[in-house]
N, C-alpha and C. Protein backbone atom coordinates (compact mmCIF):
# COMPACT_ATOMS: atom_id res chain seq x y z
N MET A 1 92.64 104.78 84.38
CA MET A 1 93.96 104.62 84.97
C MET A 1 94.17 103.43 85.79
N LYS A 2 93.07 102.95 86.13
CA LYS A 2 93.09 101.50 87.21
C LYS A 2 93.54 100.53 86.09
N ASP A 3 92.93 100.27 85.18
CA ASP A 3 93.46 99.37 84.11
C ASP A 3 94.76 99.26 83.66
N TYR A 4 95.31 100.62 83.51
CA TYR A 4 96.69 100.71 82.94
C TYR A 4 97.65 100.60 84.04
N ILE A 5 97.32 100.79 85.49
CA ILE A 5 98.21 100.60 86.59
C ILE A 5 98.36 98.97 86.59
N CYS A 6 97.14 98.32 86.65
CA CYS A 6 97.09 96.83 86.83
C CYS A 6 97.90 96.22 85.79
N GLN A 7 97.82 96.59 84.34
CA GLN A 7 98.47 96.01 83.45
C GLN A 7 100.02 96.38 83.67
N LEU A 8 100.33 97.58 83.96
CA LEU A 8 101.99 97.93 84.05
C LEU A 8 102.47 96.90 85.07
N PHE A 9 101.60 96.60 86.33
CA PHE A 9 101.87 95.93 87.33
C PHE A 9 102.24 94.41 86.91
N ALA A 10 101.13 93.94 86.07
CA ALA A 10 101.20 92.46 85.68
C ALA A 10 102.44 92.31 84.82
N GLU A 11 102.87 93.18 84.05
CA GLU A 11 103.98 93.22 83.11
C GLU A 11 105.17 93.18 83.94
N ASN A 12 105.21 93.98 84.93
CA ASN A 12 106.43 93.99 85.67
C ASN A 12 106.70 92.95 86.54
N VAL A 13 105.77 92.18 86.85
CA VAL A 13 106.11 91.00 88.08
C VAL A 13 106.12 89.62 87.09
N LYS A 14 105.62 89.80 85.74
CA LYS A 14 105.60 88.72 84.81
C LYS A 14 104.36 87.71 85.29
N LEU A 15 103.32 88.09 85.75
CA LEU A 15 102.27 87.20 85.96
C LEU A 15 100.92 87.76 85.33
N PRO A 16 100.13 87.00 84.75
CA PRO A 16 98.94 87.40 84.31
C PRO A 16 97.98 88.03 84.98
N TYR A 17 97.45 89.16 84.30
CA TYR A 17 96.48 90.20 85.09
C TYR A 17 95.55 89.37 85.80
N ALA A 18 94.84 88.56 85.38
CA ALA A 18 93.78 87.77 85.84
C ALA A 18 94.15 87.08 87.18
N GLU A 19 95.43 86.46 87.19
CA GLU A 19 95.79 85.86 88.19
C GLU A 19 96.03 86.69 89.79
N ILE A 20 96.57 87.84 89.33
CA ILE A 20 96.89 88.83 90.30
C ILE A 20 95.42 89.45 90.84
N PHE A 21 94.81 89.86 90.17
CA PHE A 21 93.82 91.03 90.41
C PHE A 21 92.18 90.15 90.78
N GLU A 22 92.15 89.15 89.75
CA GLU A 22 90.74 88.24 90.02
C GLU A 22 90.82 87.52 91.47
N HIS A 23 91.99 87.14 91.74
CA HIS A 23 92.16 86.28 93.17
C HIS A 23 92.55 87.21 94.13
N ASP A 24 92.83 88.51 93.93
CA ASP A 24 93.09 89.58 94.95
C ASP A 24 94.33 89.00 95.75
N LEU A 25 95.32 88.63 95.26
CA LEU A 25 96.30 88.06 96.06
C LEU A 25 97.10 89.06 97.02
N THR A 26 97.72 88.46 97.98
CA THR A 26 98.30 89.35 98.83
C THR A 26 99.90 89.51 98.35
N LEU A 27 100.33 90.54 98.70
CA LEU A 27 101.96 90.98 98.14
C LEU A 27 102.83 89.50 98.29
N SER A 28 102.60 88.84 99.41
CA SER A 28 103.61 87.65 99.75
C SER A 28 103.20 86.61 98.60
N GLU A 29 101.99 86.44 98.28
CA GLU A 29 101.55 85.41 97.22
C GLU A 29 102.04 85.83 95.88
N ILE A 30 101.97 87.22 95.69
CA ILE A 30 102.50 87.65 94.31
C ILE A 30 103.95 87.30 94.31
N ILE A 31 104.93 87.62 95.26
CA ILE A 31 106.12 87.27 95.18
C ILE A 31 106.35 85.69 95.17
N ALA A 32 105.90 85.05 95.77
CA ALA A 32 105.93 83.54 95.82
C ALA A 32 105.53 82.90 94.51
N ARG A 33 104.68 83.59 93.57
CA ARG A 33 104.20 82.81 92.30
C ARG A 33 105.08 83.70 91.24
N SER A 34 105.72 84.82 91.49
CA SER A 34 106.51 85.36 90.31
C SER A 34 107.87 84.98 90.26
N GLU A 35 108.44 84.49 89.12
CA GLU A 35 109.75 84.21 88.81
C GLU A 35 110.49 85.40 88.63
N GLN A 36 110.00 86.52 88.63
CA GLN A 36 110.50 87.89 88.29
C GLN A 36 110.99 88.41 89.86
N LEU A 37 110.08 88.10 90.90
CA LEU A 37 110.34 88.71 92.18
C LEU A 37 110.81 87.71 93.17
N HIS A 38 111.89 88.09 93.67
CA HIS A 38 112.52 87.03 94.66
C HIS A 38 112.36 87.60 96.03
N ASN A 39 111.87 88.77 96.40
CA ASN A 39 111.76 89.25 97.77
C ASN A 39 111.04 90.58 97.60
N SER A 40 110.87 91.32 98.89
CA SER A 40 110.13 92.40 98.92
C SER A 40 110.88 93.61 98.16
N ILE A 41 112.02 93.57 98.16
CA ILE A 41 112.74 94.69 97.59
C ILE A 41 112.48 94.55 96.03
N ASP A 42 112.47 93.46 95.35
CA ASP A 42 111.88 93.37 94.08
C ASP A 42 110.55 93.93 93.87
N LEU A 43 109.57 93.73 94.46
CA LEU A 43 108.15 94.09 94.60
C LEU A 43 108.33 95.69 94.74
N MET A 44 108.94 96.05 95.47
CA MET A 44 108.79 97.66 95.74
C MET A 44 109.46 98.29 94.41
N GLU A 45 110.44 97.52 93.93
CA GLU A 45 110.91 98.25 92.54
C GLU A 45 110.04 98.00 91.30
N ALA A 46 109.15 96.95 91.21
CA ALA A 46 108.12 96.96 90.55
C ALA A 46 106.91 98.09 90.70
N PHE A 47 106.70 98.44 91.87
CA PHE A 47 105.96 99.55 92.07
C PHE A 47 106.53 100.86 91.60
N ALA A 48 107.91 100.95 91.96
CA ALA A 48 108.57 102.15 91.67
C ALA A 48 108.57 102.32 90.05
N LYS A 49 108.68 101.30 89.38
CA LYS A 49 108.58 101.46 88.00
C LYS A 49 107.36 102.03 87.34
N ILE A 50 106.29 101.54 87.96
CA ILE A 50 104.96 102.16 87.56
C ILE A 50 104.92 103.76 87.91
N SER A 51 105.31 104.15 89.07
CA SER A 51 105.45 105.55 89.41
C SER A 51 106.04 106.11 88.43
N ASN A 52 107.50 105.67 87.96
CA ASN A 52 108.31 106.31 87.07
C ASN A 52 107.66 106.39 85.66
N THR A 53 106.84 105.33 85.22
CA THR A 53 106.32 105.56 84.16
C THR A 53 105.26 106.62 84.01
N ILE A 54 104.25 106.72 85.06
CA ILE A 54 103.55 107.83 85.46
C ILE A 54 104.11 109.27 85.24
N LYS A 55 105.10 109.33 86.04
CA LYS A 55 105.72 110.34 86.09
C LYS A 55 106.34 110.90 84.49
N LYS A 56 107.12 109.79 83.84
CA LYS A 56 107.64 110.25 82.48
C LYS A 56 106.31 110.59 81.60
N GLN A 57 105.16 109.97 81.66
CA GLN A 57 103.82 110.24 80.85
C GLN A 57 103.27 111.58 81.44
N TYR A 58 102.92 111.67 82.75
CA TYR A 58 102.27 112.84 83.21
C TYR A 58 102.95 113.95 83.91
N GLY A 59 104.22 113.68 84.27
CA GLY A 59 105.07 114.53 84.58
C GLY A 59 104.76 115.00 86.17
N THR A 60 104.24 114.00 87.08
CA THR A 60 103.95 114.10 88.43
C THR A 60 104.49 112.77 89.21
N ASP A 61 104.74 113.07 90.30
CA ASP A 61 105.36 112.07 91.15
C ASP A 61 104.28 111.35 91.86
N ILE A 62 104.28 110.12 92.04
CA ILE A 62 103.27 108.90 92.73
C ILE A 62 104.11 108.27 93.76
N ARG A 63 103.67 108.70 95.02
CA ARG A 63 104.42 108.04 95.97
C ARG A 63 103.49 107.03 96.80
N LEU A 64 104.00 105.89 97.03
CA LEU A 64 103.35 104.90 97.86
C LEU A 64 103.95 104.61 99.34
N PRO A 65 103.10 104.39 100.28
CA PRO A 65 103.72 103.90 101.61
C PRO A 65 104.02 102.61 101.47
N ALA A 66 104.90 102.21 102.64
CA ALA A 66 105.19 100.72 102.69
C ALA A 66 104.15 100.01 103.21
N PHE A 67 104.00 98.93 102.71
CA PHE A 67 102.97 97.82 102.82
C PHE A 67 103.29 96.51 103.51
N SER A 68 102.77 95.81 104.39
CA SER A 68 103.18 94.59 104.76
C SER A 68 102.89 93.62 103.84
N LEU A 69 103.55 92.53 103.96
CA LEU A 69 103.27 91.50 102.85
C LEU A 69 101.85 90.86 102.89
N ASP A 70 101.30 90.95 103.96
CA ASP A 70 99.96 90.31 103.98
C ASP A 70 98.82 91.31 103.38
N THR A 71 99.25 92.32 102.94
CA THR A 71 98.42 93.32 102.16
C THR A 71 97.81 92.69 100.84
N LYS A 72 96.54 92.82 100.63
CA LYS A 72 96.03 92.52 99.45
C LYS A 72 96.38 93.60 98.31
N ILE A 73 96.32 92.93 97.02
CA ILE A 73 96.75 93.88 95.97
C ILE A 73 95.57 94.81 95.75
N SER A 74 94.57 94.74 96.00
CA SER A 74 93.40 95.36 95.95
C SER A 74 93.48 96.81 96.80
N THR A 75 93.99 96.49 98.13
CA THR A 75 94.43 97.59 98.82
C THR A 75 95.44 98.59 98.34
N VAL A 76 96.68 97.91 97.78
CA VAL A 76 97.70 98.77 97.23
C VAL A 76 97.24 99.44 96.08
N LEU A 77 96.29 98.86 95.14
CA LEU A 77 95.83 99.63 93.95
C LEU A 77 94.97 100.71 94.53
N GLU A 78 94.27 100.49 95.35
CA GLU A 78 93.37 101.69 95.99
C GLU A 78 93.98 102.94 96.24
N VAL A 79 95.07 102.71 97.17
CA VAL A 79 96.24 103.71 97.36
C VAL A 79 96.82 104.14 96.41
N PHE A 80 97.21 103.40 95.40
CA PHE A 80 97.77 104.10 94.22
C PHE A 80 96.97 105.01 93.35
N LEU A 81 95.60 104.53 93.17
CA LEU A 81 94.63 105.31 92.62
C LEU A 81 94.25 106.70 93.31
N GLU A 82 94.25 106.63 94.83
CA GLU A 82 94.12 107.76 95.70
C GLU A 82 95.12 108.76 95.36
N GLU A 83 96.27 108.24 95.36
CA GLU A 83 97.42 109.10 95.21
C GLU A 83 97.64 109.88 93.81
N VAL A 84 97.21 108.88 92.68
CA VAL A 84 96.91 109.41 91.35
C VAL A 84 96.03 110.84 91.53
N GLU A 85 94.69 110.34 92.16
CA GLU A 85 93.70 111.28 92.06
C GLU A 85 94.16 112.55 93.03
N ARG A 86 94.98 112.38 94.02
CA ARG A 86 95.40 113.74 94.57
C ARG A 86 96.29 114.47 93.98
N VAL A 87 97.12 114.05 93.09
CA VAL A 87 97.94 114.72 92.20
C VAL A 87 97.29 115.34 91.07
N GLN A 88 95.92 114.68 90.75
CA GLN A 88 95.20 115.23 89.72
C GLN A 88 95.57 114.98 88.33
N ILE A 89 96.18 113.78 88.06
CA ILE A 89 96.43 113.38 86.60
C ILE A 89 95.20 113.36 85.70
């Protein structure tokens, strides 16, 4: 599930998987590097798309808290995976 979520995120923000996750970018760095994202709202929409994809495939809601822009993507991913585990997909 981790790789699946990472791949979906990379596709949604139009950045290479390795650039995002191997460098453990902050959310603000992702916004700055992505031509797809212009602000934090666009970033939250990217996360919402992943949640909606999971809901369509597995029939369950995944909800994320708000994150500050200095949060590392690894932290967001960890919370995402905890939420997935919590709803037992």
